[in-house]
PDB file of N, CA and C in Angstrom:
ATOM      1  N   MET A   1     -52.838  67.434  51.599  1.00  0.00           N
ATOM      2  CA  MET A   1     -53.535  66.291  51.054  1.00  0.00           C
ATOM      3  C   MET A   1     -52.614  65.067  50.992  1.00  0.00           C
ATOM      4  N   LEU A   2     -51.348  65.289  50.621  1.00  0.00           N
ATOM      5  CA  LEU A   2     -50.396  64.194  50.519  1.00  0.00           C
ATOM      6  C   LEU A   2     -50.124  63.575  51.883  1.00  0.00           C
ATOM      7  N   HIS A   3     -50.008  64.408  52.911  1.00  0.00           N
ATOM      8  CA  HIS A   3     -49.750  63.895  54.260  1.00  0.00           C
ATOM      9  C   HIS A   3     -50.946  63.103  54.779  1.00  0.00           C
ATOM     10  N   LYS A   4     -52.138  63.554  54.427  1.00  0.00           N
ATOM     11  CA  LYS A   4     -53.341  62.852  54.862  1.00  0.00           C
ATOM     12  C   LYS A   4     -53.401  61.459  54.219  1.00  0.00           C
ATOM     13  N   ARG A   5     -53.100  61.388  52.933  1.00  0.00           N
ATOM     14  CA  ARG A   5     -53.117  60.106  52.228  1.00  0.00           C
ATOM     15  C   ARG A   5     -52.032  59.173  52.788  1.00  0.00           C
ATOM     16  N   PHE A   6     -50.845  59.723  53.046  1.00  0.00           N
ATOM     17  CA  PHE A   6     -49.745  58.932  53.607  1.00  0.00           C
ATOM     18  C   PHE A   6     -50.129  58.389  54.979  1.00  0.00           C
ATOM     19  N   GLY A   7     -50.727  59.229  55.815  1.00  0.00           N
ATOM     20  CA  GLY A   7     -51.152  58.795  57.144  1.00  0.00           C
ATOM     21  C   GLY A   7     -52.215  57.711  57.068  1.00  0.00           C
ATOM     22  N   LEU A   8     -53.139  57.871  56.131  1.00  0.00           N
ATOM     23  CA  LEU A   8     -54.186  56.870  55.954  1.00  0.00           C
ATOM     24  C   LEU A   8     -53.589  55.530  55.508  1.00  0.00           C
ATOM     25  N   MET A   9     -52.665  55.568  54.569  1.00  0.00           N
ATOM     26  CA  MET A   9     -52.031  54.337  54.099  1.00  0.00           C
ATOM     27  C   MET A   9     -51.226  53.662  55.214  1.00  0.00           C
ATOM     28  N   MET A  10     -50.500  54.442  55.991  1.00  0.00           N
ATOM     29  CA  MET A  10     -49.726  53.869  57.094  1.00  0.00           C
ATOM     30  C   MET A  10     -50.654  53.258  58.140  1.00  0.00           C
ATOM     31  N   GLY A  11     -51.771  53.914  58.417  1.00  0.00           N
ATOM     32  CA  GLY A  11     -52.741  53.378  59.370  1.00  0.00           C
ATOM     33  C   GLY A  11     -53.340  52.067  58.890  1.00  0.00           C
ATOM     34  N   LEU A  12     -53.675  52.002  57.597  1.00  0.00           N
ATOM     35  CA  LEU A  12     -54.220  50.763  57.045  1.00  0.00           C
ATOM     36  C   LEU A  12     -53.186  49.635  57.079  1.00  0.00           C
ATOM     37  N   MET A  13     -51.948  49.958  56.754  1.00  0.00           N
ATOM     38  CA  MET A  13     -50.899  48.935  56.794  1.00  0.00           C
ATOM     39  C   MET A  13     -50.687  48.432  58.215  1.00  0.00           C
ATOM     40  N   LEU A  14     -50.735  49.321  59.186  1.00  0.00           N
ATOM     41  CA  LEU A  14     -50.585  48.926  60.581  1.00  0.00           C
ATOM     42  C   LEU A  14     -51.754  48.042  61.017  1.00  0.00           C
ATOM     43  N   ALA A  15     -52.967  48.416  60.607  1.00  0.00           N
ATOM     44  CA  ALA A  15     -54.142  47.619  60.965  1.00  0.00           C
ATOM     45  C   ALA A  15     -54.049  46.215  60.363  1.00  0.00           C
ATOM     46  N   PHE A  16     -53.665  46.125  59.081  1.00  0.00           N
ATOM     47  CA  PHE A  16     -53.511  44.812  58.452  1.00  0.00           C
ATOM     48  C   PHE A  16     -52.426  43.992  59.141  1.00  0.00           C
ATOM     49  N   ALA A  17     -51.334  44.629  59.512  1.00  0.00           N
ATOM     50  CA  ALA A  17     -50.255  43.913  60.192  1.00  0.00           C
ATOM     51  C   ALA A  17     -50.742  43.357  61.524  1.00  0.00           C
ATOM     52  N   LEU A  18     -51.511  44.132  62.257  1.00  0.00           N
ATOM     53  CA  LEU A  18     -52.028  43.659  63.540  1.00  0.00           C
ATOM     54  C   LEU A  18     -53.019  42.513  63.361  1.00  0.00           C
ATOM     55  N   VAL A  19     -53.874  42.626  62.351  1.00  0.00           N
ATOM     56  CA  VAL A  19     -54.857  41.570  62.105  1.00  0.00           C
ATOM     57  C   VAL A  19     -54.155  40.275  61.711  1.00  0.00           C
ATOM     58  N   PHE A  20     -53.189  40.358  60.791  1.00  0.00           N
ATOM     59  CA  PHE A  20     -52.494  39.148  60.359  1.00  0.00           C
ATOM     60  C   PHE A  20     -51.649  38.554  61.475  1.00  0.00           C
ATOM     61  N   THR A  21     -51.095  39.385  62.328  1.00  0.00           N
ATOM     62  CA  THR A  21     -50.318  38.884  63.454  1.00  0.00           C
ATOM     63  C   THR A  21     -51.229  38.190  64.458  1.00  0.00           C
ATOM     64  N   ALA A  22     -52.408  38.733  64.658  1.00  0.00           N
ATOM     65  CA  ALA A  22     -53.350  38.140  65.606  1.00  0.00           C
ATOM     66  C   ALA A  22     -53.870  36.800  65.099  1.00  0.00           C
ATOM     67  N   CYS A  23     -53.896  36.609  63.790  1.00  0.00           N
ATOM     68  CA  CYS A  23     -54.397  35.357  63.220  1.00  0.00           C
ATOM     69  C   CYS A  23     -53.368  34.233  63.270  1.00  0.00           C
ATOM     70  N   ALA A  24     -52.136  34.545  63.575  1.00  0.00           N
ATOM     71  CA  ALA A  24     -51.094  33.516  63.623  1.00  0.00           C
ATOM     72  C   ALA A  24     -51.339  32.603  64.819  1.00  0.00           C
ATOM     73  N   PRO A  25     -51.050  31.313  64.676  1.00  0.00           N
ATOM     74  CA  PRO A  25     -51.240  30.403  65.805  1.00  0.00           C
ATOM     75  C   PRO A  25     -50.265  30.731  66.924  1.00  0.00           C
ATOM     76  N   ALA A  26     -50.717  30.500  68.135  1.00  0.00           N
ATOM     77  CA  ALA A  26     -49.879  30.772  69.300  1.00  0.00           C
ATOM     78  C   ALA A  26     -48.734  29.768  69.344  1.00  0.00           C
ATOM     79  N   PRO A  27     -47.539  30.210  69.689  1.00  0.00           N
ATOM     80  CA  PRO A  27     -46.419  29.266  69.765  1.00  0.00           C
ATOM     81  C   PRO A  27     -46.622  28.314  70.938  1.00  0.00           C
ATOM     82  N   THR A  28     -46.247  27.081  70.726  1.00  0.00           N
ATOM     83  CA  THR A  28     -46.383  26.088  71.787  1.00  0.00           C
ATOM     84  C   THR A  28     -45.102  26.046  72.598  1.00  0.00           C
ATOM     85  N   ALA A  29     -45.261  25.791  73.877  1.00  0.00           N
ATOM     86  CA  ALA A  29     -44.101  25.703  74.760  1.00  0.00           C
ATOM     87  C   ALA A  29     -43.389  24.387  74.495  1.00  0.00           C
ATOM     88  N   PRO A  30     -42.073  24.379  74.491  1.00  0.00           N
ATOM     89  CA  PRO A  30     -41.360  23.121  74.261  1.00  0.00           C
ATOM     90  C   PRO A  30     -41.596  22.157  75.418  1.00  0.00           C
ATOM     91  N   ALA A  31     -41.692  20.907  75.072  1.00  0.00           N
ATOM     92  CA  ALA A  31     -41.917  19.878  76.091  1.00  0.00           C
ATOM     93  C   ALA A  31     -40.676  19.755  76.960  1.00  0.00           C
ATOM     94  N   ASP A  32     -40.911  19.490  78.246  1.00  0.00           N
ATOM     95  CA  ASP A  32     -39.780  19.299  79.148  1.00  0.00           C
ATOM     96  C   ASP A  32     -39.051  18.024  78.750  1.00  0.00           C
ATOM     97  N   THR A  33     -37.770  18.150  78.594  1.00  0.00           N
ATOM     98  CA  THR A  33     -36.983  16.976  78.233  1.00  0.00           C
ATOM     99  C   THR A  33     -36.025  16.673  79.365  1.00  0.00           C
ATOM    100  N   ALA A  34     -35.980  15.428  79.708  1.00  0.00           N
ATOM    101  CA  ALA A  34     -35.069  14.998  80.766  1.00  0.00           C
ATOM    102  C   ALA A  34     -33.697  14.766  80.158  1.00  0.00           C
ATOM    103  N   ALA A  35     -32.689  14.940  80.989  1.00  0.00           N
ATOM    104  CA  ALA A  35     -31.326  14.693  80.522  1.00  0.00           C
ATOM    105  C   ALA A  35     -31.184  13.218  80.194  1.00  0.00           C
ATOM    106  N   PRO A  36     -30.489  12.885  79.125  1.00  0.00           N
ATOM    107  CA  PRO A  36     -30.354  11.473  78.769  1.00  0.00           C
ATOM    108  C   PRO A  36     -29.546  10.725  79.822  1.00  0.00           C
ATOM    109  N   ALA A  37     -29.934   9.487  80.025  1.00  0.00           N
ATOM    110  CA  ALA A  37     -29.224   8.645  80.987  1.00  0.00           C
ATOM    111  C   ALA A  37     -27.855   8.300  80.428  1.00  0.00           C
ATOM    112  N   ASP A  38     -26.958   7.926  81.329  1.00  0.00           N
ATOM    113  CA  ASP A  38     -25.624   7.546  80.880  1.00  0.00           C
ATOM    114  C   ASP A  38     -25.740   6.344  79.946  1.00  0.00           C
ATOM    115  N   THR A  39     -25.125   6.464  78.819  1.00  0.00           N
ATOM    116  CA  THR A  39     -25.148   5.365  77.864  1.00  0.00           C
ATOM    117  C   THR A  39     -23.724   4.932  77.594  1.00  0.00           C
ATOM    118  N   ALA A  40     -23.587   3.681  77.309  1.00  0.00           N
ATOM    119  CA  ALA A  40     -22.259   3.150  77.011  1.00  0.00           C
ATOM    120  C   ALA A  40     -21.858   3.578  75.613  1.00  0.00           C
ATOM    121  N   ALA A  41     -20.595   3.886  75.439  1.00  0.00           N
ATOM    122  CA  ALA A  41     -20.093   4.275  74.129  1.00  0.00           C
ATOM    123  C   ALA A  41     -20.114   3.062  73.215  1.00  0.00           C
ATOM    124  N   PRO A  42     -20.482   3.233  71.962  1.00  0.00           N
ATOM    125  CA  PRO A  42     -20.512   2.092  71.048  1.00  0.00           C
ATOM    126  C   PRO A  42     -19.103   1.574  70.794  1.00  0.00           C
ATOM    127  N   ALA A  43     -19.029   0.300  70.575  1.00  0.00           N
ATOM    128  CA  ALA A  43     -17.729  -0.321  70.313  1.00  0.00           C
ATOM    129  C   ALA A  43     -17.233   0.126  68.949  1.00  0.00           C
ATOM    130  N   ASP A  44     -15.920   0.269  68.830  1.00  0.00           N
ATOM    131  CA  ASP A  44     -15.342   0.651  67.549  1.00  0.00           C
ATOM    132  C   ASP A  44     -15.539  -0.492  66.561  1.00  0.00           C
ATOM    133  N   THR A  45     -16.072  -0.154  65.421  1.00  0.00           N
ATOM    134  CA  THR A  45     -16.258  -1.155  64.382  1.00  0.00           C
ATOM    135  C   THR A  45     -15.540  -0.684  63.137  1.00  0.00           C
ATOM    136  N   ALA A  46     -14.981  -1.600  62.439  1.00  0.00           N
ATOM    137  CA  ALA A  46     -14.280  -1.260  61.203  1.00  0.00           C
ATOM    138  C   ALA A  46     -15.296  -1.180  60.078  1.00  0.00           C
ATOM    139  N   ALA A  47     -15.134  -0.177  59.239  1.00  0.00           N
ATOM    140  CA  ALA A  47     -16.034  -0.021  58.101  1.00  0.00           C
ATOM    141  C   ALA A  47     -15.682  -1.056  57.046  1.00  0.00           C
ATOM    142  N   PRO A  48     -16.655  -1.585  56.359  1.00  0.00           N
ATOM    143  CA  PRO A  48     -16.369  -2.539  55.294  1.00  0.00           C
ATOM    144  C   PRO A  48     -15.527  -1.870  54.208  1.00  0.00           C
ATOM    145  N   ALA A  49     -14.746  -2.644  53.513  1.00  0.00           N
ATOM    146  CA  ALA A  49     -13.849  -2.098  52.492  1.00  0.00           C
ATOM    147  C   ALA A  49     -14.626  -1.454  51.355  1.00  0.00           C
ATOM    148  N   ASP A  50     -15.820  -1.955  51.055  1.00  0.00           N
ATOM    149  CA  ASP A  50     -16.599  -1.420  49.946  1.00  0.00           C
ATOM    150  C   ASP A  50     -17.378  -0.169  50.330  1.00  0.00           C
ATOM    151  N   ALA A  51     -17.353   0.233  51.574  1.00  0.00           N
ATOM    152  CA  ALA A  51     -18.173   1.358  52.023  1.00  0.00           C
ATOM    153  C   ALA A  51     -17.754   2.664  51.378  1.00  0.00           C
ATOM    154  N   GLU A  52     -16.494   2.800  51.032  1.00  0.00           N
ATOM    155  CA  GLU A  52     -16.031   4.049  50.458  1.00  0.00           C
ATOM    156  C   GLU A  52     -16.069   4.036  48.939  1.00  0.00           C
ATOM    157  N   ALA A  53     -16.552   2.980  48.343  1.00  0.00           N
ATOM    158  CA  ALA A  53     -16.634   2.903  46.888  1.00  0.00           C
ATOM    159  C   ALA A  53     -17.686   3.880  46.388  1.00  0.00           C
ATOM    160  N   ALA A  54     -17.493   4.363  45.185  1.00  0.00           N
ATOM    161  CA  ALA A  54     -18.437   5.315  44.593  1.00  0.00           C
ATOM    162  C   ALA A  54     -19.759   4.611  44.336  1.00  0.00           C
ATOM    163  N   PRO A  55     -20.871   5.332  44.520  1.00  0.00           N
ATOM    164  CA  PRO A  55     -22.174   4.703  44.283  1.00  0.00           C
ATOM    165  C   PRO A  55     -22.342   4.348  42.809  1.00  0.00           C
ATOM    166  N   THR A  56     -23.076   3.287  42.572  1.00  0.00           N
ATOM    167  CA  THR A  56     -23.315   2.863  41.199  1.00  0.00           C
ATOM    168  C   THR A  56     -24.273   3.819  40.527  1.00  0.00           C
ATOM    169  N   GLU A  57     -24.373   3.700  39.222  1.00  0.00           N
ATOM    170  CA  GLU A  57     -25.256   4.587  38.465  1.00  0.00           C
ATOM    171  C   GLU A  57     -26.707   4.380  38.876  1.00  0.00           C
ATOM    172  N   GLU A  58     -27.070   3.136  39.173  1.00  0.00           N
ATOM    173  CA  GLU A  58     -28.438   2.860  39.596  1.00  0.00           C
ATOM    174  C   GLU A  58     -28.740   3.531  40.925  1.00  0.00           C
ATOM    175  N   ALA A  59     -27.792   3.496  41.844  1.00  0.00           N
ATOM    176  CA  ALA A  59     -28.007   4.119  43.146  1.00  0.00           C
ATOM    177  C   ALA A  59     -28.081   5.626  43.007  1.00  0.00           C
ATOM    178  N   ALA A  60     -27.326   6.198  42.087  1.00  0.00           N
ATOM    179  CA  ALA A  60     -27.346   7.642  41.896  1.00  0.00           C
ATOM    180  C   ALA A  60     -28.682   8.104  41.344  1.00  0.00           C
ATOM    181  N   GLU A  61     -29.326   7.276  40.536  1.00  0.00           N
ATOM    182  CA  GLU A  61     -30.609   7.648  39.963  1.00  0.00           C
ATOM    183  C   GLU A  61     -31.767   7.384  40.914  1.00  0.00           C
ATOM    184  N   GLY A  62     -31.538   6.754  42.016  1.00  0.00           N
ATOM    185  CA  GLY A  62     -32.606   6.463  42.952  1.00  0.00           C
ATOM    186  C   GLY A  62     -33.420   5.280  42.475  1.00  0.00           C
ATOM    187  N   SER A  63     -34.716   5.370  42.609  1.00  0.00           N
ATOM    188  CA  SER A  63     -35.582   4.255  42.256  1.00  0.00           C
ATOM    189  C   SER A  63     -36.142   4.392  40.846  1.00  0.00           C
ATOM    190  N   ARG A  64     -35.566   5.204  40.018  1.00  0.00           N
ATOM    191  CA  ARG A  64     -36.053   5.426  38.660  1.00  0.00           C
ATOM    192  C   ARG A  64     -35.696   4.237  37.780  1.00  0.00           C
ATOM    193  N   ARG A  65     -36.690   3.711  37.083  1.00  0.00           N
ATOM    194  CA  ARG A  65     -36.457   2.617  36.151  1.00  0.00           C
ATOM    195  C   ARG A  65     -35.921   3.184  34.845  1.00  0.00           C
ATOM    196  N   SER A  66     -35.153   2.392  34.124  1.00  0.00           N
ATOM    197  CA  SER A  66     -34.551   2.875  32.878  1.00  0.00           C
ATOM    198  C   SER A  66     -35.592   3.089  31.789  1.00  0.00           C
ATOM    199  N   ASP A  67     -36.719   2.380  31.838  1.00  0.00           N
ATOM    200  CA  ASP A  67     -37.745   2.557  30.817  1.00  0.00           C
ATOM    201  C   ASP A  67     -38.800   3.586  31.216  1.00  0.00           C
ATOM    202  N   GLU A  68     -38.665   4.164  32.380  1.00  0.00           N
ATOM    203  CA  GLU A  68     -39.630   5.146  32.866  1.00  0.00           C
ATOM    204  C   GLU A  68     -39.387   6.500  32.197  1.00  0.00           C
ATOM    205  N   VAL A  69     -40.457   7.135  31.736  1.00  0.00           N
ATOM    206  CA  VAL A  69     -40.359   8.452  31.112  1.00  0.00           C
ATOM    207  C   VAL A  69     -40.862   9.488  32.102  1.00  0.00           C
ATOM    208  N   ILE A  70     -40.034  10.465  32.377  1.00  0.00           N
ATOM    209  CA  ILE A  70     -40.401  11.549  33.279  1.00  0.00           C
ATOM    210  C   ILE A  70     -40.900  12.709  32.437  1.00  0.00           C
ATOM    211  N   GLU A  71     -42.030  13.281  32.829  1.00  0.00           N
ATOM    212  CA  GLU A  71     -42.581  14.411  32.092  1.00  0.00           C
ATOM    213  C   GLU A  71     -42.422  15.688  32.898  1.00  0.00           C
ATOM    214  N   ILE A  72     -41.958  16.728  32.222  1.00  0.00           N
ATOM    215  CA  ILE A  72     -41.828  18.052  32.819  1.00  0.00           C
ATOM    216  C   ILE A  72     -42.732  18.978  32.029  1.00  0.00           C
ATOM    217  N   GLU A  73     -43.611  19.680  32.717  1.00  0.00           N
ATOM    218  CA  GLU A  73     -44.489  20.620  32.030  1.00  0.00           C
ATOM    219  C   GLU A  73     -43.912  22.020  32.142  1.00  0.00           C
ATOM    220  N   TYR A  74     -43.746  22.664  30.983  1.00  0.00           N
ATOM    221  CA  TYR A  74     -43.192  24.016  30.923  1.00  0.00           C
ATOM    222  C   TYR A  74     -44.251  24.923  30.336  1.00  0.00           C
ATOM    223  N   TRP A  75     -44.443  26.074  30.947  1.00  0.00           N
ATOM    224  CA  TRP A  75     -45.458  27.014  30.499  1.00  0.00           C
ATOM    225  C   TRP A  75     -44.855  28.393  30.424  1.00  0.00           C
ATOM    226  N   GLN A  76     -45.275  29.160  29.415  1.00  0.00           N
ATOM    227  CA  GLN A  76     -44.843  30.549  29.276  1.00  0.00           C
ATOM    228  C   GLN A  76     -45.925  31.314  28.526  1.00  0.00           C
ATOM    229  N   TYR A  77     -45.817  32.624  28.567  1.00  0.00           N
ATOM    230  CA  TYR A  77     -46.727  33.451  27.783  1.00  0.00           C
ATOM    231  C   TYR A  77     -46.482  33.190  26.312  1.00  0.00           C
ATOM    232  N   PHE A  78     -47.474  33.406  25.505  1.00  0.00           N
ATOM    233  CA  PHE A  78     -47.367  33.106  24.085  1.00  0.00           C
ATOM    234  C   PHE A  78     -46.752  34.287  23.344  1.00  0.00           C
ATOM    235  N   PHE A  79     -45.492  34.161  23.031  1.00  0.00           N
ATOM    236  CA  PHE A  79     -44.785  35.089  22.158  1.00  0.00           C
ATOM    237  C   PHE A  79     -44.155  34.216  21.082  1.00  0.00           C
ATOM    238  N   GLU A  80     -44.546  34.415  19.838  1.00  0.00           N
ATOM    239  CA  GLU A  80     -44.151  33.519  18.753  1.00  0.00           C
ATOM    240  C   GLU A  80     -42.642  33.292  18.685  1.00  0.00           C
ATOM    241  N   ASP A  81     -41.848  34.349  18.844  1.00  0.00           N
ATOM    242  CA  ASP A  81     -40.392  34.194  18.772  1.00  0.00           C
ATOM    243  C   ASP A  81     -39.871  33.321  19.912  1.00  0.00           C
ATOM    244  N   ARG A  82     -40.404  33.533  21.099  1.00  0.00           N
ATOM    245  CA  ARG A  82     -39.949  32.740  22.247  1.00  0.00           C
ATOM    246  C   ARG A  82     -40.387  31.292  22.133  1.00  0.00           C
ATOM    247  N   VAL A  83     -41.574  31.073  21.606  1.00  0.00           N
ATOM    248  CA  VAL A  83     -42.086  29.707  21.480  1.00  0.00           C
ATOM    249  C   VAL A  83     -41.219  28.906  20.524  1.00  0.00           C
ATOM    250  N   THR A  84     -40.863  29.483  19.379  1.00  0.00           N
ATOM    251  CA  THR A  84     -40.034  28.746  18.426  1.00  0.00           C
ATOM    252  C   THR A  84     -38.637  28.499  18.992  1.00  0.00           C
ATOM    253  N   ALA A  85     -38.080  29.484  19.684  1.00  0.00           N
ATOM    254  CA  ALA A  85     -36.759  29.302  20.301  1.00  0.00           C
ATOM    255  C   ALA A  85     -36.823  28.246  21.399  1.00  0.00           C
ATOM    256  N   MET A  86     -37.879  28.281  22.209  1.00  0.00           N
ATOM    257  CA  MET A  86     -38.011  27.317  23.303  1.00  0.00           C
ATOM    258  C   MET A  86     -38.232  25.907  22.762  1.00  0.00           C
ATOM    259  N   ASN A  87     -38.987  25.775  21.680  1.00  0.00           N
ATOM    260  CA  ASN A  87     -39.188  24.451  21.094  1.00  0.00           C
ATOM    261  C   ASN A  87     -37.869  23.858  20.608  1.00  0.00           C
ATOM    262  N   ALA A  88     -36.994  24.688  20.041  1.00  0.00           N
ATOM    263  CA  ALA A  88     -35.680  24.206  19.609  1.00  0.00           C
ATOM    264  C   ALA A  88     -34.849  23.766  20.813  1.00  0.00           C
ATOM    265  N   LEU A  89     -34.897  24.536  21.901  1.00  0.00           N
ATOM    266  CA  LEU A  89     -34.160  24.162  23.111  1.00  0.00           C
ATOM    267  C   LEU A  89     -34.716  22.884  23.733  1.00  0.00           C
ATOM    268  N   ILE A  90     -36.027  22.730  23.685  1.00  0.00           N
ATOM    269  CA  ILE A  90     -36.653  21.525  24.240  1.00  0.00           C
ATOM    270  C   ILE A  90     -36.221  20.295  23.452  1.00  0.00           C
ATOM    271  N   GLU A  91     -36.186  20.409  22.118  1.00  0.00           N
ATOM    272  CA  GLU A  91     -35.737  19.279  21.298  1.00  0.00           C
ATOM    273  C   GLU A  91     -34.294  18.908  21.629  1.00  0.00           C
ATOM    274  N   GLN A  92     -33.443  19.914  21.808  1.00  0.00           N
ATOM    275  CA  GLN A  92     -32.044  19.660  22.157  1.00  0.00           C
ATOM    276  C   GLN A  92     -31.948  18.998  23.535  1.00  0.00           C
ATOM    277  N   PHE A  93     -32.722  19.486  24.501  1.00  0.00           N
ATOM    278  CA  PHE A  93     -32.709  18.924  25.852  1.00  0.00           C
ATOM    279  C   PHE A  93     -33.167  17.472  25.841  1.00  0.00           C
ATOM    280  N   GLU A  94     -34.255  17.195  25.114  1.00  0.00           N
ATOM    281  CA  GLU A  94     -34.774  15.829  25.071  1.00  0.00           C
ATOM    282  C   GLU A  94     -33.799  14.885  24.370  1.00  0.00           C
ATOM    283  N   ALA A  95     -33.039  15.388  23.374  1.00  0.00           N
ATOM    284  CA  ALA A  95     -32.045  14.548  22.702  1.00  0.00           C
ATOM    285  C   ALA A  95     -30.892  14.216  23.647  1.00  0.00           C
ATOM    286  N   GLU A  96     -30.506  15.166  24.488  1.00  0.00           N
ATOM    287  CA  GLU A  96     -29.411  14.953  25.435  1.00  0.00           C
ATOM    288  C   GLU A  96     -29.845  14.156  26.661  1.00  0.00           C
ATOM    289  N   ASN A  97     -31.139  14.158  26.967  1.00  0.00           N
ATOM    290  CA  ASN A  97     -31.655  13.504  28.170  1.00  0.00           C
ATOM    291  C   ASN A  97     -32.786  12.548  27.801  1.00  0.00           C
ATOM    292  N   PRO A  98     -32.446  11.363  27.294  1.00  0.00           N
ATOM    293  CA  PRO A  98     -33.518  10.416  26.971  1.00  0.00           C
ATOM    294  C   PRO A  98     -34.240   9.998  28.251  1.00  0.00           C
ATOM    295  N   GLY A  99     -35.517   9.811  28.130  1.00  0.00           N
ATOM    296  CA  GLY A  99     -36.299   9.431  29.302  1.00  0.00           C
ATOM    297  C   GLY A  99     -36.953  10.620  29.973  1.00  0.00           C
ATOM    298  N   ILE A 100     -36.681  11.830  29.471  1.00  0.00           N
ATOM    299  CA  ILE A 100     -37.331  13.027  30.004  1.00  0.00           C
ATOM    300  C   ILE A 100     -38.089  13.680  28.864  1.00  0.00           C
ATOM    301  N   LYS A 101     -39.389  13.859  29.046  1.00  0.00           N
ATOM    302  CA  LYS A 101     -40.257  14.459  28.033  1.00  0.00           C
ATOM    303  C   LYS A 101     -40.732  15.799  28.554  1.00  0.00           C
ATOM    304  N   VAL A 102     -40.525  16.863  27.763  1.00  0.00           N
ATOM    305  CA  VAL A 102     -40.959  18.202  28.145  1.00  0.00           C
ATOM    306  C   VAL A 102     -42.263  18.494  27.432  1.00  0.00           C
ATOM    307  N   ILE A 103     -43.274  18.834  28.211  1.00  0.00           N
ATOM    308  CA  ILE A 103     -44.578  19.194  27.660  1.00  0.00           C
ATOM    309  C   ILE A 103     -44.633  20.709  27.611  1.00  0.00           C
ATOM    310  N   HIS A 104     -44.841  21.240  26.407  1.00  0.00           N
ATOM    311  CA  HIS A 104     -44.832  22.700  26.231  1.00  0.00           C
ATOM    312  C   HIS A 104     -46.030  23.121  25.451  1.00  0.00           C
TER     313      HIS A 104
END
């Protein structure tokens, strides 16, 4: 009985694998690419002196405005002990990271 069940399960898994493989889109052939024409080497240019300077704080933050509030939604199963512990951690995180609001 065990061998029959094992064989049946293996057969079903094989059938599903074949069906899912058949549903995959066919791979496309890569387009023929011609060899690039001879190009002239670019002239040596000196880098500006400020190019190696460290990025400013504004550049590191990207396009985020200082008055913009980012919201992060956090979800978990309801276990009273975990909820109270997580709320304490969220308060600590929000105090250390102004501008980020955690929705829990």
